[in-house]
Amino acid sequence: MQVQMNQLFDKINSIPQIPEVVRTLITQFNNPKIDFGVVAKNIEKEQVISLKVLRLVNSAHFGLSKKIGTIQEAVVMLGMNQLRTLVIASGMVGAVPKIEGVNIKHFWEDSFRTATYAKWLAAETKQAPDLAFTAGLISGLGRLLIYMGAPSAANEIDQHVSSGHARTELELSRLGFTSEAVGAELCRRWHFSPDLIDTVAQCGAPLMAEEVYLPACVVHIARYISHAQYTGIDLEAILDAFPYAVAEKLGLTKAFVVEKLPELLLLDSGLDGLMD
């Protein structure tokens, strides 16, 4: 499998790269010694990211009482955790090129929803919200890389998925590996932490792992809800097909899901402005 996947990466002319400040924020989730002042200054050096983040911070979504002109001010008004979210999302969006055959706007809308839902679910189940958010945000990147390296196979797989076939089985039979495995390999090449790599690798089918990894369960559920919302099915249909077996691993009962799902569906990532 690894040889085949390396061949896929070899076919991709330009592997997406992320700015160093984004890598720093991702790799230092739980570092209590991180100097946020230094990080803010490094963010300001990334002019494209800074401009996008400041434009978003000053949008109606955040409803701040005064205009924010610098990243340092944004840290004060929003807090570093919120700013971290905006910078990571902006850096990821900027790193991925437009790809033939992919509606990149829909891709990021789905990724933003998934990340937002994953962060909420992580907080409810005592998992790491920052890890869940980032894993949710990048969990679909493997599909983009398959489109870049094997477009005909990617198109064929998507056509079958739209007809109701399971993506994981199709990818394994057609490619020999899953898009989640490709995304995890990209995370390795980006030198991300093992917990983030494992979350991305297992989120497609978390119950198939030898040892179930709970952050992957969080992202799996978030992806299901986001996709269901994108397809426009109603609440009852979402609940009927809900991955309750995965939810049980997180300690979530069916009653909890039924009660809280309407609240979850109302969450707004506030990140769509990063695509402008």
C-alpha atoms as a PDB file:
ATOM      1  CA  MET A   1       0.000   0.000   0.000  1.00  0.00           C
ATOM      2  CA  GLN A   2       2.763   2.451   0.908  1.00  0.00           C
ATOM      3  CA  VAL A   3       4.504   1.988  -2.451  1.00  0.00           C
ATOM      4  CA  GLN A   4       1.222   2.748  -4.281  1.00  0.00           C
ATOM      5  CA  MET A   5       0.646   5.799  -2.137  1.00  0.00           C
ATOM      6  CA  ASN A   6       4.159   7.067  -2.755  1.00  0.00           C
ATOM      7  CA  GLN A   7       3.468   6.702  -6.463  1.00  0.00           C
ATOM      8  CA  LEU A   8       0.406   8.887  -5.999  1.00  0.00           C
ATOM      9  CA  PHE A   9       2.465  11.561  -4.257  1.00  0.00           C
ATOM     10  CA  ASP A  10       5.108  11.295  -6.982  1.00  0.00           C
ATOM     11  CA  LYS A  11       2.463  12.174  -9.587  1.00  0.00           C
ATOM     12  CA  ILE A  12       1.446  15.355  -7.790  1.00  0.00           C
ATOM     13  CA  ASN A  13       3.474  18.216  -9.210  1.00  0.00           C
ATOM     14  CA  SER A  14       3.137  20.471  -6.191  1.00  0.00           C
ATOM     15  CA  ILE A  15       2.333  19.036  -2.749  1.00  0.00           C
ATOM     16  CA  PRO A  16       0.481  21.697  -0.713  1.00  0.00           C
ATOM     17  CA  GLN A  17       2.728  23.457   1.786  1.00  0.00           C
ATOM     18  CA  ILE A  18       1.610  25.483   4.777  1.00  0.00           C
ATOM     19  CA  PRO A  19       3.240  28.593   6.276  1.00  0.00           C
ATOM     20  CA  GLU A  20       5.599  27.975   9.171  1.00  0.00           C
ATOM     21  CA  VAL A  21       3.460  29.971  11.608  1.00  0.00           C
ATOM     22  CA  VAL A  22       0.508  27.671  10.874  1.00  0.00           C
ATOM     23  CA  ARG A  23       2.684  24.625  11.477  1.00  0.00           C
ATOM     24  CA  THR A  24       3.824  26.159  14.772  1.00  0.00           C
ATOM     25  CA  LEU A  25       0.263  26.758  15.953  1.00  0.00           C
ATOM     26  CA  ILE A  26      -0.751  23.205  15.066  1.00  0.00           C
ATOM     27  CA  THR A  27       2.255  21.516  16.653  1.00  0.00           C
ATOM     28  CA  GLN A  28       2.008  23.539  19.865  1.00  0.00           C
ATOM     29  CA  PHE A  29      -1.642  22.978  20.790  1.00  0.00           C
ATOM     30  CA  ASN A  30      -0.872  22.004  24.354  1.00  0.00           C
ATOM     31  CA  ASN A  31       2.387  23.851  24.955  1.00  0.00           C
ATOM     32  CA  PRO A  32       1.848  26.083  28.019  1.00  0.00           C
ATOM     33  CA  LYS A  33       5.158  27.828  27.354  1.00  0.00           C
ATOM     34  CA  ILE A  34       4.257  29.108  23.893  1.00  0.00           C
ATOM     35  CA  ASP A  35       4.933  32.842  23.623  1.00  0.00           C
ATOM     36  CA  PHE A  36       1.753  34.233  22.095  1.00  0.00           C
ATOM     37  CA  GLY A  37       3.371  37.635  21.584  1.00  0.00           C
ATOM     38  CA  VAL A  38       6.029  36.090  19.372  1.00  0.00           C
ATOM     39  CA  VAL A  39       3.410  34.019  17.573  1.00  0.00           C
ATOM     40  CA  ALA A  40       1.328  37.149  16.890  1.00  0.00           C
ATOM     41  CA  LYS A  41       4.358  38.907  15.417  1.00  0.00           C
ATOM     42  CA  ASN A  42       5.028  35.899  13.198  1.00  0.00           C
ATOM     43  CA  ILE A  43       1.410  35.906  12.029  1.00  0.00           C
ATOM     44  CA  GLU A  44       1.765  39.558  11.049  1.00  0.00           C
ATOM     45  CA  LYS A  45       4.723  38.628   8.839  1.00  0.00           C
ATOM     46  CA  GLU A  46       2.358  36.427   6.786  1.00  0.00           C
ATOM     47  CA  GLN A  47       0.603  39.315   5.073  1.00  0.00           C
ATOM     48  CA  VAL A  48      -1.979  37.285   3.149  1.00  0.00           C
ATOM     49  CA  ILE A  49      -3.060  35.425   6.286  1.00  0.00           C
ATOM     50  CA  SER A  50      -3.059  38.596   8.387  1.00  0.00           C
ATOM     51  CA  LEU A  51      -5.250  40.484   5.925  1.00  0.00           C
ATOM     52  CA  LYS A  52      -7.746  37.631   5.629  1.00  0.00           C
ATOM     53  CA  VAL A  53      -7.920  37.151   9.393  1.00  0.00           C
ATOM     54  CA  LEU A  54      -8.343  40.861  10.122  1.00  0.00           C
ATOM     55  CA  ARG A  55     -11.060  41.175   7.478  1.00  0.00           C
ATOM     56  CA  LEU A  56     -12.896  38.265   9.065  1.00  0.00           C
ATOM     57  CA  VAL A  57     -12.403  39.586  12.610  1.00  0.00           C
ATOM     58  CA  ASN A  58     -13.968  42.873  11.538  1.00  0.00           C
ATOM     59  CA  SER A  59     -16.962  41.196   9.897  1.00  0.00           C
ATOM     60  CA  ALA A  60     -20.484  41.211  11.298  1.00  0.00           C
ATOM     61  CA  HIS A  61     -20.057  37.630  12.488  1.00  0.00           C
ATOM     62  CA  PHE A  62     -17.787  38.674  15.348  1.00  0.00           C
ATOM     63  CA  GLY A  63     -19.712  41.853  16.148  1.00  0.00           C
ATOM     64  CA  LEU A  64     -16.782  43.634  17.794  1.00  0.00           C
ATOM     65  CA  SER A  65     -17.411  47.129  19.114  1.00  0.00           C
ATOM     66  CA  LYS A  66     -14.370  48.663  17.417  1.00  0.00           C
ATOM     67  CA  LYS A  67     -12.346  48.069  14.292  1.00  0.00           C
ATOM     68  CA  ILE A  68      -9.327  45.822  14.769  1.00  0.00           C
ATOM     69  CA  GLY A  69      -6.222  46.899  12.872  1.00  0.00           C
ATOM     70  CA  THR A  70      -3.502  44.504  14.050  1.00  0.00           C
ATOM     71  CA  ILE A  71      -3.078  40.864  15.001  1.00  0.00           C
ATOM     72  CA  GLN A  72      -1.952  41.983  18.458  1.00  0.00           C
ATOM     73  CA  GLU A  73      -5.313  43.731  18.937  1.00  0.00           C
ATOM     74  CA  ALA A  74      -7.091  40.623  17.668  1.00  0.00           C
ATOM     75  CA  VAL A  75      -5.366  38.542  20.347  1.00  0.00           C
ATOM     76  CA  VAL A  76      -6.672  40.920  23.027  1.00  0.00           C
ATOM     77  CA  MET A  77     -10.224  41.024  21.678  1.00  0.00           C
ATOM     78  CA  LEU A  78     -10.653  37.374  20.676  1.00  0.00           C
ATOM     79  CA  GLY A  79      -8.106  35.459  22.722  1.00  0.00           C
ATOM     80  CA  MET A  80      -5.327  33.332  21.299  1.00  0.00           C
ATOM     81  CA  ASN A  81      -7.448  30.181  20.965  1.00  0.00           C
ATOM     82  CA  GLN A  82      -9.940  31.890  18.669  1.00  0.00           C
ATOM     83  CA  LEU A  83      -7.180  33.575  16.706  1.00  0.00           C
ATOM     84  CA  ARG A  84      -5.380  30.240  16.381  1.00  0.00           C
ATOM     85  CA  THR A  85      -8.499  28.804  14.770  1.00  0.00           C
ATOM     86  CA  LEU A  86      -8.713  31.629  12.232  1.00  0.00           C
ATOM     87  CA  VAL A  87      -5.018  31.507  11.340  1.00  0.00           C
ATOM     88  CA  ILE A  88      -4.954  27.721  10.887  1.00  0.00           C
ATOM     89  CA  ALA A  89      -8.054  27.813   8.699  1.00  0.00           C
ATOM     90  CA  SER A  90      -6.692  30.693   6.623  1.00  0.00           C
ATOM     91  CA  GLY A  91      -3.318  28.991   6.185  1.00  0.00           C
ATOM     92  CA  MET A  92      -4.958  25.759   5.045  1.00  0.00           C
ATOM     93  CA  VAL A  93      -7.215  27.505   2.544  1.00  0.00           C
ATOM     94  CA  GLY A  94      -4.249  29.395   1.105  1.00  0.00           C
ATOM     95  CA  ALA A  95      -2.144  26.243   0.800  1.00  0.00           C
ATOM     96  CA  VAL A  96      -4.569  24.318  -1.416  1.00  0.00           C
ATOM     97  CA  PRO A  97      -4.784  25.242  -5.107  1.00  0.00           C
ATOM     98  CA  LYS A  98      -7.886  25.113  -7.265  1.00  0.00           C
ATOM     99  CA  ILE A  99      -8.253  21.601  -8.641  1.00  0.00           C
ATOM    100  CA  GLU A 100      -9.996  20.598 -11.839  1.00  0.00           C
ATOM    101  CA  GLY A 101     -13.113  18.580 -11.102  1.00  0.00           C
ATOM    102  CA  VAL A 102     -13.432  19.873  -7.537  1.00  0.00           C
ATOM    103  CA  ASN A 103     -15.767  22.610  -6.338  1.00  0.00           C
ATOM    104  CA  ILE A 104     -13.247  24.066  -3.924  1.00  0.00           C
ATOM    105  CA  LYS A 105     -15.806  26.409  -2.359  1.00  0.00           C
ATOM    106  CA  HIS A 106     -18.063  23.493  -1.441  1.00  0.00           C
ATOM    107  CA  PHE A 107     -15.035  21.555  -0.211  1.00  0.00           C
ATOM    108  CA  TRP A 108     -14.041  24.286   2.255  1.00  0.00           C
ATOM    109  CA  GLU A 109     -17.622  24.909   3.363  1.00  0.00           C
ATOM    110  CA  ASP A 110     -17.853  21.215   4.232  1.00  0.00           C
ATOM    111  CA  SER A 111     -14.444  21.302   5.929  1.00  0.00           C
ATOM    112  CA  PHE A 112     -15.366  24.375   7.991  1.00  0.00           C
ATOM    113  CA  ARG A 113     -18.616  22.772   9.124  1.00  0.00           C
ATOM    114  CA  THR A 114     -16.845  19.524   9.971  1.00  0.00           C
ATOM    115  CA  ALA A 115     -14.198  21.344  11.999  1.00  0.00           C
ATOM    116  CA  THR A 116     -16.806  23.391  13.873  1.00  0.00           C
ATOM    117  CA  TYR A 117     -18.943  20.362  14.683  1.00  0.00           C
ATOM    118  CA  ALA A 118     -15.878  18.357  15.716  1.00  0.00           C
ATOM    119  CA  LYS A 119     -14.757  21.075  18.120  1.00  0.00           C
ATOM    120  CA  TRP A 120     -18.210  21.169  19.743  1.00  0.00           C
ATOM    121  CA  LEU A 121     -18.411  17.377  20.003  1.00  0.00           C
ATOM    122  CA  ALA A 122     -14.902  17.196  21.461  1.00  0.00           C
ATOM    123  CA  ALA A 123     -15.825  19.649  24.203  1.00  0.00           C
ATOM    124  CA  GLU A 124     -18.972  17.641  24.999  1.00  0.00           C
ATOM    125  CA  THR A 125     -17.043  14.356  25.209  1.00  0.00           C
ATOM    126  CA  LYS A 126     -13.940  15.648  27.024  1.00  0.00           C
ATOM    127  CA  GLN A 127     -11.662  15.245  24.008  1.00  0.00           C
ATOM    128  CA  ALA A 128      -9.198  17.913  22.827  1.00  0.00           C
ATOM    129  CA  PRO A 129     -11.173  20.610  20.949  1.00  0.00           C
ATOM    130  CA  ASP A 130      -8.172  22.111  19.109  1.00  0.00           C
ATOM    131  CA  LEU A 131      -7.084  18.689  17.889  1.00  0.00           C
ATOM    132  CA  ALA A 132     -10.622  17.859  16.790  1.00  0.00           C
ATOM    133  CA  PHE A 133     -11.031  21.181  14.980  1.00  0.00           C
ATOM    134  CA  THR A 134      -7.786  20.845  13.028  1.00  0.00           C
ATOM    135  CA  ALA A 135      -8.336  17.173  12.209  1.00  0.00           C
ATOM    136  CA  GLY A 136     -11.854  17.977  11.029  1.00  0.00           C
ATOM    137  CA  LEU A 137     -10.565  20.840   8.917  1.00  0.00           C
ATOM    138  CA  ILE A 138      -7.958  18.735   7.108  1.00  0.00           C
ATOM    139  CA  SER A 139      -9.706  15.351   7.137  1.00  0.00           C
ATOM    140  CA  GLY A 140     -10.788  15.730   3.508  1.00  0.00           C
ATOM    141  CA  LEU A 141      -7.442  16.771   2.058  1.00  0.00           C
ATOM    142  CA  GLY A 142      -6.670  13.209   0.987  1.00  0.00           C
ATOM    143  CA  ARG A 143      -9.533  13.354  -1.511  1.00  0.00           C
ATOM    144  CA  LEU A 144      -8.047  16.494  -3.047  1.00  0.00           C
ATOM    145  CA  LEU A 145      -4.646  14.839  -3.375  1.00  0.00           C
ATOM    146  CA  ILE A 146      -6.236  11.853  -5.123  1.00  0.00           C
ATOM    147  CA  TYR A 147      -7.860  14.286  -7.564  1.00  0.00           C
ATOM    148  CA  MET A 148      -4.448  15.863  -8.149  1.00  0.00           C
ATOM    149  CA  GLY A 149      -2.596  12.572  -8.638  1.00  0.00           C
ATOM    150  CA  ALA A 150      -5.256  10.224 -10.015  1.00  0.00           C
ATOM    151  CA  PRO A 151      -8.098  12.354 -11.396  1.00  0.00           C
ATOM    152  CA  SER A 152      -9.815   9.627 -13.429  1.00  0.00           C
ATOM    153  CA  ALA A 153      -9.960   7.310 -10.428  1.00  0.00           C
ATOM    154  CA  ALA A 154     -11.181  10.146  -8.211  1.00  0.00           C
ATOM    155  CA  ASN A 155     -13.995  10.960 -10.643  1.00  0.00           C
ATOM    156  CA  GLU A 156     -15.003   7.328 -10.909  1.00  0.00           C
ATOM    157  CA  ILE A 157     -15.064   6.940  -7.122  1.00  0.00           C
ATOM    158  CA  ASP A 158     -17.136  10.092  -6.643  1.00  0.00           C
ATOM    159  CA  GLN A 159     -19.680   8.948  -9.218  1.00  0.00           C
ATOM    160  CA  HIS A 160     -20.156   5.648  -7.399  1.00  0.00           C
ATOM    161  CA  VAL A 161     -20.340   7.396  -4.006  1.00  0.00           C
ATOM    162  CA  SER A 162     -23.075   9.698  -5.319  1.00  0.00           C
ATOM    163  CA  SER A 163     -24.992   6.548  -6.267  1.00  0.00           C
ATOM    164  CA  GLY A 164     -24.902   5.337  -2.681  1.00  0.00           C
ATOM    165  CA  HIS A 165     -21.776   3.185  -2.546  1.00  0.00           C
ATOM    166  CA  ALA A 166     -19.389   3.298   0.426  1.00  0.00           C
ATOM    167  CA  ARG A 167     -16.352   5.494  -0.268  1.00  0.00           C
ATOM    168  CA  THR A 168     -13.910   3.488   1.861  1.00  0.00           C
ATOM    169  CA  GLU A 169     -14.635   0.237   0.019  1.00  0.00           C
ATOM    170  CA  LEU A 170     -14.425   1.937  -3.375  1.00  0.00           C
ATOM    171  CA  GLU A 171     -11.091   3.573  -2.588  1.00  0.00           C
ATOM    172  CA  LEU A 172      -9.600   0.343  -1.303  1.00  0.00           C
ATOM    173  CA  SER A 173     -10.732  -1.630  -4.345  1.00  0.00           C
ATOM    174  CA  ARG A 174      -9.798   1.048  -6.899  1.00  0.00           C
ATOM    175  CA  LEU A 175      -6.625   2.470  -5.328  1.00  0.00           C
ATOM    176  CA  GLY A 176      -5.485   0.073  -2.625  1.00  0.00           C
ATOM    177  CA  PHE A 177      -5.684   2.757   0.069  1.00  0.00           C
ATOM    178  CA  THR A 178      -8.180   5.267   1.458  1.00  0.00           C
ATOM    179  CA  SER A 179      -8.284   9.045   1.143  1.00  0.00           C
ATOM    180  CA  GLU A 180      -7.853   9.213   4.929  1.00  0.00           C
ATOM    181  CA  ALA A 181      -4.589   7.293   4.612  1.00  0.00           C
ATOM    182  CA  VAL A 182      -3.455   9.797   1.973  1.00  0.00           C
ATOM    183  CA  GLY A 183      -4.380  12.688   4.260  1.00  0.00           C
ATOM    184  CA  ALA A 184      -2.484  11.087   7.129  1.00  0.00           C
ATOM    185  CA  GLU A 185       0.585  10.682   4.913  1.00  0.00           C
ATOM    186  CA  LEU A 186       0.373  14.377   4.038  1.00  0.00           C
ATOM    187  CA  CYS A 187       0.273  15.134   7.771  1.00  0.00           C
ATOM    188  CA  ARG A 188       3.429  13.056   8.233  1.00  0.00           C
ATOM    189  CA  ARG A 189       5.145  15.029   5.489  1.00  0.00           C
ATOM    190  CA  TRP A 190       4.039  18.204   7.256  1.00  0.00           C
ATOM    191  CA  HIS A 191       5.623  16.802  10.461  1.00  0.00           C
ATOM    192  CA  PHE A 192       2.403  16.942  12.454  1.00  0.00           C
ATOM    193  CA  SER A 193       1.990  15.152  15.771  1.00  0.00           C
ATOM    194  CA  PRO A 194       1.089  11.449  15.970  1.00  0.00           C
ATOM    195  CA  ASP A 195      -2.300  12.209  17.555  1.00  0.00           C
ATOM    196  CA  LEU A 196      -3.300  14.429  14.635  1.00  0.00           C
ATOM    197  CA  ILE A 197      -2.014  11.885  12.112  1.00  0.00           C
ATOM    198  CA  ASP A 198      -3.905   9.049  13.828  1.00  0.00           C
ATOM    199  CA  THR A 199      -7.111  11.074  13.997  1.00  0.00           C
ATOM    200  CA  VAL A 200      -7.035  11.820  10.276  1.00  0.00           C
ATOM    201  CA  ALA A 201      -6.026   8.256   9.399  1.00  0.00           C
ATOM    202  CA  GLN A 202      -8.854   6.614  11.339  1.00  0.00           C
ATOM    203  CA  CYS A 203     -11.726   9.078  10.997  1.00  0.00           C
ATOM    204  CA  GLY A 204     -13.151   7.407   7.895  1.00  0.00           C
ATOM    205  CA  ALA A 205     -13.925   4.125   9.655  1.00  0.00           C
ATOM    206  CA  PRO A 206     -12.897   4.453  13.319  1.00  0.00           C
ATOM    207  CA  LEU A 207     -14.486   1.195  14.463  1.00  0.00           C
ATOM    208  CA  MET A 208     -12.327  -0.800  12.039  1.00  0.00           C
ATOM    209  CA  ALA A 209      -9.145   0.132  13.909  1.00  0.00           C
ATOM    210  CA  GLU A 210      -7.544  -2.443  16.193  1.00  0.00           C
ATOM    211  CA  GLU A 211      -7.855   0.065  19.024  1.00  0.00           C
ATOM    212  CA  VAL A 212     -10.607   2.642  18.632  1.00  0.00           C
ATOM    213  CA  TYR A 213      -9.198   6.172  18.827  1.00  0.00           C
ATOM    214  CA  LEU A 214     -11.757   8.533  20.319  1.00  0.00           C
ATOM    215  CA  PRO A 215     -10.697  11.754  18.528  1.00  0.00           C
ATOM    216  CA  ALA A 216     -11.231   9.882  15.236  1.00  0.00           C
ATOM    217  CA  CYS A 217     -14.753   9.013  16.397  1.00  0.00           C
ATOM    218  CA  VAL A 218     -15.416  12.711  17.027  1.00  0.00           C
ATOM    219  CA  VAL A 219     -14.320  13.692  13.516  1.00  0.00           C
ATOM    220  CA  HIS A 220     -16.205  10.780  11.938  1.00  0.00           C
ATOM    221  CA  ILE A 221     -19.472  11.976  13.449  1.00  0.00           C
ATOM    222  CA  ALA A 222     -18.767  15.585  12.524  1.00  0.00           C
ATOM    223  CA  ARG A 223     -18.108  14.579   8.920  1.00  0.00           C
ATOM    224  CA  TYR A 224     -21.331  12.590   8.793  1.00  0.00           C
ATOM    225  CA  ILE A 225     -23.404  15.516  10.077  1.00  0.00           C
ATOM    226  CA  SER A 226     -21.741  18.008   7.741  1.00  0.00           C
ATOM    227  CA  HIS A 227     -22.249  15.806   4.690  1.00  0.00           C
ATOM    228  CA  ALA A 228     -25.856  15.154   5.669  1.00  0.00           C
ATOM    229  CA  GLN A 229     -26.469  18.879   5.988  1.00  0.00           C
ATOM    230  CA  TYR A 230     -24.847  19.500   2.597  1.00  0.00           C
ATOM    231  CA  THR A 231     -27.099  16.947   0.898  1.00  0.00           C
ATOM    232  CA  GLY A 232     -30.131  18.680   2.399  1.00  0.00           C
ATOM    233  CA  ILE A 233     -31.776  15.747   4.146  1.00  0.00           C
ATOM    234  CA  ASP A 234     -34.047  16.562   7.069  1.00  0.00           C
ATOM    235  CA  LEU A 235     -33.391  16.058  10.775  1.00  0.00           C
ATOM    236  CA  GLU A 236     -35.312  12.800  10.942  1.00  0.00           C
ATOM    237  CA  ALA A 237     -33.290  11.305   8.097  1.00  0.00           C
ATOM    238  CA  ILE A 238     -30.025  12.431   9.714  1.00  0.00           C
ATOM    239  CA  LEU A 239     -31.054  10.722  12.947  1.00  0.00           C
ATOM    240  CA  ASP A 240     -32.184   7.546  11.174  1.00  0.00           C
ATOM    241  CA  ALA A 241     -28.755   6.999   9.591  1.00  0.00           C
ATOM    242  CA  PHE A 242     -26.719   8.434  12.470  1.00  0.00           C
ATOM    243  CA  PRO A 243     -23.544   6.459  13.380  1.00  0.00           C
ATOM    244  CA  TYR A 244     -24.788   5.613  16.864  1.00  0.00           C
ATOM    245  CA  ALA A 245     -22.224   2.814  17.304  1.00  0.00           C
ATOM    246  CA  VAL A 246     -19.461   5.402  16.925  1.00  0.00           C
ATOM    247  CA  ALA A 247     -21.271   7.812  19.241  1.00  0.00           C
ATOM    248  CA  GLU A 248     -21.495   5.115  21.926  1.00  0.00           C
ATOM    249  CA  LYS A 249     -17.694   4.869  21.990  1.00  0.00           C
ATOM    250  CA  LEU A 250     -17.695   8.534  23.053  1.00  0.00           C
ATOM    251  CA  GLY A 251     -20.330   7.942  25.711  1.00  0.00           C
ATOM    252  CA  LEU A 252     -23.050   9.698  23.713  1.00  0.00           C
ATOM    253  CA  THR A 253     -26.489   8.163  24.062  1.00  0.00           C
ATOM    254  CA  LYS A 254     -29.163   8.205  21.389  1.00  0.00           C
ATOM    255  CA  ALA A 255     -31.251  10.457  23.639  1.00  0.00           C
ATOM    256  CA  PHE A 256     -28.367  12.945  23.826  1.00  0.00           C
ATOM    257  CA  VAL A 257     -27.980  12.962  20.048  1.00  0.00           C
ATOM    258  CA  VAL A 258     -31.696  13.499  19.490  1.00  0.00           C
ATOM    259  CA  GLU A 259     -31.745  16.360  22.003  1.00  0.00           C
ATOM    260  CA  LYS A 260     -28.547  18.137  20.957  1.00  0.00           C
ATOM    261  CA  LEU A 261     -28.408  17.659  17.186  1.00  0.00           C
ATOM    262  CA  PRO A 262     -30.696  20.648  16.400  1.00  0.00           C
ATOM    263  CA  GLU A 263     -28.389  22.847  18.504  1.00  0.00           C
ATOM    264  CA  LEU A 264     -25.319  21.500  16.720  1.00  0.00           C
ATOM    265  CA  LEU A 265     -26.821  22.145  13.281  1.00  0.00           C
ATOM    266  CA  LEU A 266     -27.248  25.825  14.139  1.00  0.00           C
ATOM    267  CA  LEU A 267     -23.511  26.365  14.700  1.00  0.00           C
ATOM    268  CA  ASP A 268     -21.845  28.747  12.263  1.00  0.00           C
ATOM    269  CA  SER A 269     -18.107  28.394  11.666  1.00  0.00           C
ATOM    270  CA  GLY A 270     -17.773  32.083  10.790  1.00  0.00           C
ATOM    271  CA  LEU A 271     -14.965  31.042   8.443  1.00  0.00           C
ATOM    272  CA  ASP A 272     -16.591  31.294   5.022  1.00  0.00           C
ATOM    273  CA  GLY A 273     -15.116  34.775   4.538  1.00  0.00           C
ATOM    274  CA  LEU A 274     -11.665  33.178   4.277  1.00  0.00           C
ATOM    275  CA  MET A 275     -12.579  31.925   0.793  1.00  0.00           C
ATOM    276  CA  ASP A 276     -13.011  35.448  -0.614  1.00  0.00           C
END
